[in-house]
């Protein structure tokens, strides 16, 4: 019984994590930045200077164990690794009530998904 406990706990912890995947848009590289310096923008009109898209970041996590803020925090961390100093939110999809109920009944869970664009904003210095 004890031999099954550790793998079960590890699986439970992983299920609560948000996974991110980045697709780079070109070969330009930038030095990493502090995640706290990555600004989240809701629309292109909010971006105060010229900017360039660096990557598309997809994030997902179990809806019952994650939050939108955790998804954005993980996306911000991933963007910072790529040298982005901004995130442009494209979409966050919550599972429907029916999907959540079905996930609970079937024991499969339901997934919250998000897509953001990691951007480099060129502020005049």
C-alpha atoms as a PDB file:
ATOM      1  CA  UNK A   1       0.000   0.000   0.000  1.00  0.00           C
ATOM      2  CA  UNK A   2       2.801   2.416   0.883  1.00  0.00           C
ATOM      3  CA  UNK A   3       4.456   1.771  -2.491  1.00  0.00           C
ATOM      4  CA  UNK A   4       1.371   3.189  -4.238  1.00  0.00           C
ATOM      5  CA  UNK A   5       1.095   6.250  -2.016  1.00  0.00           C
ATOM      6  CA  UNK A   6       4.076   8.186  -3.427  1.00  0.00           C
ATOM      7  CA  UNK A   7       3.127   7.832  -7.117  1.00  0.00           C
ATOM      8  CA  UNK A   8      -0.454   8.808  -6.273  1.00  0.00           C
ATOM      9  CA  UNK A   9       0.671  11.937  -4.411  1.00  0.00           C
ATOM     10  CA  UNK A  10       3.057  12.881  -7.227  1.00  0.00           C
ATOM     11  CA  UNK A  11       0.259  12.490  -9.782  1.00  0.00           C
ATOM     12  CA  UNK A  12      -2.069  14.598  -7.639  1.00  0.00           C
ATOM     13  CA  UNK A  13       0.497  17.398  -7.416  1.00  0.00           C
ATOM     14  CA  UNK A  14       1.144  17.327 -11.163  1.00  0.00           C
ATOM     15  CA  UNK A  15      -2.580  17.431 -11.900  1.00  0.00           C
ATOM     16  CA  UNK A  16      -2.824  20.780 -10.105  1.00  0.00           C
ATOM     17  CA  UNK A  17      -0.044  22.348 -12.106  1.00  0.00           C
ATOM     18  CA  UNK A  18      -0.445  24.679 -15.033  1.00  0.00           C
ATOM     19  CA  UNK A  19       1.501  23.573 -18.072  1.00  0.00           C
ATOM     20  CA  UNK A  20       2.717  26.080 -20.626  1.00  0.00           C
ATOM     21  CA  UNK A  21       3.966  25.537 -24.135  1.00  0.00           C
ATOM     22  CA  UNK A  22       5.569  28.257 -26.248  1.00  0.00           C
ATOM     23  CA  UNK A  23       5.777  28.429 -30.013  1.00  0.00           C
ATOM     24  CA  UNK A  24       8.469  30.877 -31.105  1.00  0.00           C
ATOM     25  CA  UNK A  25       7.483  33.105 -34.009  1.00  0.00           C
ATOM     26  CA  UNK A  26      10.959  33.910 -35.358  1.00  0.00           C
ATOM     27  CA  UNK A  27      14.596  33.326 -34.530  1.00  0.00           C
ATOM     28  CA  UNK A  28      15.160  36.585 -32.651  1.00  0.00           C
ATOM     29  CA  UNK A  29      16.311  36.030 -29.078  1.00  0.00           C
ATOM     30  CA  UNK A  30      16.174  38.422 -26.162  1.00  0.00           C
ATOM     31  CA  UNK A  31      17.736  38.184 -22.721  1.00  0.00           C
ATOM     32  CA  UNK A  32      15.391  36.903 -19.998  1.00  0.00           C
ATOM     33  CA  UNK A  33      13.559  39.469 -17.893  1.00  0.00           C
ATOM     34  CA  UNK A  34      12.106  39.421 -14.395  1.00  0.00           C
ATOM     35  CA  UNK A  35       8.548  37.995 -14.534  1.00  0.00           C
ATOM     36  CA  UNK A  36       7.401  40.973 -12.440  1.00  0.00           C
ATOM     37  CA  UNK A  37       8.409  43.228 -15.354  1.00  0.00           C
ATOM     38  CA  UNK A  38       6.096  41.447 -17.826  1.00  0.00           C
ATOM     39  CA  UNK A  39       3.033  43.664 -18.283  1.00  0.00           C
ATOM     40  CA  UNK A  40      -0.302  42.076 -19.179  1.00  0.00           C
ATOM     41  CA  UNK A  41      -2.278  43.854 -21.907  1.00  0.00           C
ATOM     42  CA  UNK A  42      -5.923  43.171 -22.710  1.00  0.00           C
ATOM     43  CA  UNK A  43      -5.854  44.650 -26.220  1.00  0.00           C
ATOM     44  CA  UNK A  44      -3.373  45.990 -28.763  1.00  0.00           C
ATOM     45  CA  UNK A  45      -4.695  49.499 -28.084  1.00  0.00           C
ATOM     46  CA  UNK A  46      -3.356  49.254 -24.510  1.00  0.00           C
ATOM     47  CA  UNK A  47       0.262  48.737 -25.630  1.00  0.00           C
ATOM     48  CA  UNK A  48       2.007  52.122 -25.199  1.00  0.00           C
ATOM     49  CA  UNK A  49       4.811  51.771 -27.760  1.00  0.00           C
ATOM     50  CA  UNK A  50       5.953  49.815 -30.802  1.00  0.00           C
ATOM     51  CA  UNK A  51       6.013  46.097 -30.160  1.00  0.00           C
ATOM     52  CA  UNK A  52       6.827  42.764 -31.769  1.00  0.00           C
ATOM     53  CA  UNK A  53       5.290  39.335 -31.120  1.00  0.00           C
ATOM     54  CA  UNK A  54       7.873  36.824 -29.900  1.00  0.00           C
ATOM     55  CA  UNK A  55       5.874  33.669 -29.185  1.00  0.00           C
ATOM     56  CA  UNK A  56       2.433  32.207 -28.742  1.00  0.00           C
ATOM     57  CA  UNK A  57       2.034  30.656 -25.308  1.00  0.00           C
ATOM     58  CA  UNK A  58      -0.613  28.033 -24.610  1.00  0.00           C
ATOM     59  CA  UNK A  59      -1.424  27.291 -20.971  1.00  0.00           C
ATOM     60  CA  UNK A  60      -3.678  24.644 -19.526  1.00  0.00           C
ATOM     61  CA  UNK A  61      -4.548  23.173 -16.174  1.00  0.00           C
ATOM     62  CA  UNK A  62      -7.194  21.186 -14.361  1.00  0.00           C
ATOM     63  CA  UNK A  63     -10.117  23.578 -13.843  1.00  0.00           C
ATOM     64  CA  UNK A  64     -10.814  22.440 -10.281  1.00  0.00           C
ATOM     65  CA  UNK A  65      -7.195  22.849  -9.192  1.00  0.00           C
ATOM     66  CA  UNK A  66      -6.079  25.997 -11.037  1.00  0.00           C
ATOM     67  CA  UNK A  67      -7.194  29.599 -11.408  1.00  0.00           C
ATOM     68  CA  UNK A  68      -6.957  32.172 -14.170  1.00  0.00           C
ATOM     69  CA  UNK A  69      -4.445  34.104 -12.104  1.00  0.00           C
ATOM     70  CA  UNK A  70      -2.223  31.026 -11.795  1.00  0.00           C
ATOM     71  CA  UNK A  71      -2.441  30.502 -15.566  1.00  0.00           C
ATOM     72  CA  UNK A  72      -1.432  34.116 -16.171  1.00  0.00           C
ATOM     73  CA  UNK A  73       1.401  33.876 -13.620  1.00  0.00           C
ATOM     74  CA  UNK A  74       2.807  30.775 -15.343  1.00  0.00           C
ATOM     75  CA  UNK A  75       2.407  32.409 -18.773  1.00  0.00           C
ATOM     76  CA  UNK A  76       4.173  35.517 -17.467  1.00  0.00           C
ATOM     77  CA  UNK A  77       7.057  33.358 -16.172  1.00  0.00           C
ATOM     78  CA  UNK A  78       7.360  31.562 -19.523  1.00  0.00           C
ATOM     79  CA  UNK A  79       7.275  34.872 -21.431  1.00  0.00           C
ATOM     80  CA  UNK A  80       9.983  36.295 -19.171  1.00  0.00           C
ATOM     81  CA  UNK A  81      12.236  33.317 -19.976  1.00  0.00           C
ATOM     82  CA  UNK A  82      11.894  34.238 -23.651  1.00  0.00           C
ATOM     83  CA  UNK A  83      12.742  37.901 -23.040  1.00  0.00           C
ATOM     84  CA  UNK A  84       9.213  39.216 -23.508  1.00  0.00           C
ATOM     85  CA  UNK A  85       8.266  42.248 -21.455  1.00  0.00           C
ATOM     86  CA  UNK A  86       4.567  42.019 -22.265  1.00  0.00           C
ATOM     87  CA  UNK A  87       1.707  39.567 -22.673  1.00  0.00           C
ATOM     88  CA  UNK A  88      -1.242  40.184 -24.945  1.00  0.00           C
ATOM     89  CA  UNK A  89      -4.180  38.055 -23.833  1.00  0.00           C
ATOM     90  CA  UNK A  90      -5.941  36.392 -26.732  1.00  0.00           C
ATOM     91  CA  UNK A  91      -8.213  33.884 -25.049  1.00  0.00           C
ATOM     92  CA  UNK A  92      -8.981  32.107 -21.797  1.00  0.00           C
ATOM     93  CA  UNK A  93     -11.493  29.280 -22.086  1.00  0.00           C
ATOM     94  CA  UNK A  94     -13.309  28.006 -19.063  1.00  0.00           C
ATOM     95  CA  UNK A  95     -14.866  24.552 -19.317  1.00  0.00           C
ATOM     96  CA  UNK A  96     -18.641  24.643 -19.572  1.00  0.00           C
ATOM     97  CA  UNK A  97     -20.775  23.628 -16.609  1.00  0.00           C
ATOM     98  CA  UNK A  98     -21.706  20.437 -18.473  1.00  0.00           C
ATOM     99  CA  UNK A  99     -18.027  19.605 -19.066  1.00  0.00           C
ATOM    100  CA  UNK A 100     -17.234  20.190 -15.387  1.00  0.00           C
ATOM    101  CA  UNK A 101     -20.107  17.964 -14.252  1.00  0.00           C
ATOM    102  CA  UNK A 102     -19.182  15.246 -16.745  1.00  0.00           C
ATOM    103  CA  UNK A 103     -15.555  15.443 -15.624  1.00  0.00           C
ATOM    104  CA  UNK A 104     -16.559  15.006 -12.001  1.00  0.00           C
ATOM    105  CA  UNK A 105     -18.957  12.127 -12.728  1.00  0.00           C
ATOM    106  CA  UNK A 106     -16.493  10.306 -14.987  1.00  0.00           C
ATOM    107  CA  UNK A 107     -13.454  11.193 -12.877  1.00  0.00           C
ATOM    108  CA  UNK A 108     -11.651  12.714 -15.838  1.00  0.00           C
ATOM    109  CA  UNK A 109     -11.717  16.362 -14.725  1.00  0.00           C
ATOM    110  CA  UNK A 110     -12.041  19.338 -17.026  1.00  0.00           C
ATOM    111  CA  UNK A 111      -9.416  21.661 -18.451  1.00  0.00           C
ATOM    112  CA  UNK A 112      -9.062  25.444 -18.352  1.00  0.00           C
ATOM    113  CA  UNK A 113      -7.093  26.703 -21.377  1.00  0.00           C
ATOM    114  CA  UNK A 114      -5.515  29.989 -22.303  1.00  0.00           C
ATOM    115  CA  UNK A 115      -3.634  31.504 -25.212  1.00  0.00           C
ATOM    116  CA  UNK A 116      -1.490  34.630 -24.960  1.00  0.00           C
ATOM    117  CA  UNK A 117       1.083  36.297 -27.172  1.00  0.00           C
ATOM    118  CA  UNK A 118       4.455  37.039 -25.609  1.00  0.00           C
ATOM    119  CA  UNK A 119       5.560  40.424 -26.926  1.00  0.00           C
ATOM    120  CA  UNK A 120       8.585  42.678 -26.767  1.00  0.00           C
ATOM    121  CA  UNK A 121       7.591  46.320 -26.248  1.00  0.00           C
ATOM    122  CA  UNK A 122      10.196  48.841 -27.402  1.00  0.00           C
ATOM    123  CA  UNK A 123      10.036  51.731 -24.963  1.00  0.00           C
ATOM    124  CA  UNK A 124      12.048  54.856 -25.786  1.00  0.00           C
ATOM    125  CA  UNK A 125      14.928  55.120 -23.366  1.00  0.00           C
END
